[in-house]
Amino acid sequence: MNDDALSLHRMLLKVPLFEGIGAAALGRLTAGANQVNAPGKTVIFKCGDASRGLFAVVSGQVKLALQGAQGGEQVVELVSP
């Protein structure tokens, strides 16, 4: 495993969703994973977009929001590690 993959593997070990997963399964997840560093205000995906995979928030915070009927933003949830 190269340094980037090892770093990603260590980050995934901290995600509660992956607690108790076997080493082989976590290795397969790590092999197919990409780390995304998104600065504030970055739109990761929009409602209706085709799925590009699973996102796990390792640090920082992500705001899940919908656009309201009047064009305003309706916050659904704030997600953090």
Protein backbone atom coordinates (compact mmCIF):
# COMPACT_ATOMS: atom_id res chain seq x y z
CA MET A 1 0.00 0.00 0.00
CA ASN A 2 1.47 3.39 -0.95
CA ASP A 3 1.54 6.34 1.50
CA ASP A 4 -1.69 7.90 0.12
CA ALA A 5 -3.57 4.60 0.34
CA LEU A 6 -2.26 4.00 3.86
CA SER A 7 -3.35 7.47 4.92
CA LEU A 8 -6.82 6.90 3.42
CA HIS A 9 -7.01 3.48 5.09
CA ARG A 10 -6.28 5.07 8.47
CA MET A 11 -8.95 7.74 7.88
CA LEU A 12 -11.56 5.13 6.97
CA LEU A 13 -10.78 3.21 10.17
CA LYS A 14 -12.03 6.28 12.09
CA VAL A 15 -15.41 6.40 10.30
CA PRO A 16 -18.08 4.79 12.53
CA LEU A 17 -19.79 3.21 9.49
CA PHE A 18 -16.72 1.03 8.98
CA GLU A 19 -16.22 -0.05 12.61
CA GLY A 20 -15.87 -3.80 12.83
CA ILE A 21 -15.32 -4.30 9.10
CA GLY A 22 -12.71 -6.91 8.33
CA ALA A 23 -9.22 -5.96 7.16
CA ALA A 24 -9.74 -7.50 3.70
CA ALA A 25 -13.02 -5.66 3.13
CA LEU A 26 -11.55 -2.36 4.31
CA GLY A 27 -8.59 -2.95 2.01
CA ARG A 28 -10.95 -3.37 -0.96
CA LEU A 29 -12.79 -0.17 0.01
CA THR A 30 -9.50 1.69 0.30
CA ALA A 31 -8.37 0.42 -3.10
CA GLY A 32 -11.48 1.86 -4.74
CA ALA A 33 -11.64 5.06 -2.70
CA ASN A 34 -10.60 8.60 -3.51
CA GLN A 35 -9.90 11.34 -1.02
CA VAL A 36 -11.63 14.64 -1.81
CA ASN A 37 -10.56 17.87 -0.16
CA ALA A 38 -13.33 20.39 -0.71
CA PRO A 39 -12.97 24.02 0.35
CA GLY A 40 -15.94 25.74 1.97
CA LYS A 41 -18.96 26.44 -0.27
CA THR A 42 -17.99 23.64 -2.69
CA VAL A 43 -21.03 21.85 -4.12
CA ILE A 44 -20.27 18.12 -3.90
CA PHE A 45 -23.49 16.98 -5.55
CA LYS A 46 -26.95 18.32 -6.35
CA CYS A 47 -30.37 16.76 -5.93
CA GLY A 48 -31.02 14.55 -8.97
CA ASP A 49 -27.34 13.92 -9.80
CA ALA A 50 -26.43 10.33 -10.62
CA SER A 51 -24.58 8.60 -7.80
CA ARG A 52 -20.80 8.73 -8.00
CA GLY A 53 -20.29 6.62 -4.90
CA LEU A 54 -20.32 6.98 -1.14
CA PHE A 55 -18.97 10.04 0.64
CA ALA A 56 -17.63 9.81 4.21
CA VAL A 57 -16.95 13.04 6.09
CA VAL A 58 -13.62 12.57 7.86
CA SER A 59 -13.03 16.17 8.94
CA GLY A 60 -14.89 19.42 8.68
CA GLN A 61 -18.60 19.71 8.05
CA VAL A 62 -20.99 19.24 5.12
CA LYS A 63 -24.32 21.02 4.83
CA LEU A 64 -27.14 19.07 3.18
CA ALA A 65 -29.64 21.56 1.81
CA LEU A 66 -32.49 21.83 -0.64
CA GLN A 67 -33.62 24.81 -2.63
CA GLY A 68 -37.02 25.97 -1.41
CA ALA A 69 -39.97 26.90 -3.62
CA GLN A 70 -39.15 30.60 -3.23
CA GLY A 71 -35.50 30.01 -4.13
CA GLY A 72 -34.21 30.08 -0.57
CA GLU A 73 -32.07 27.40 0.99
CA GLN A 74 -33.62 24.86 3.37
CA VAL A 75 -30.96 23.13 5.49
CA VAL A 76 -31.80 19.45 5.95
CA GLU A 77 -28.81 18.44 8.06
CA LEU A 78 -25.25 19.35 9.01
CA VAL A 79 -22.94 16.34 8.78
CA SER A 80 -19.59 16.04 10.53
CA PRO A 81 -17.41 13.10 11.57
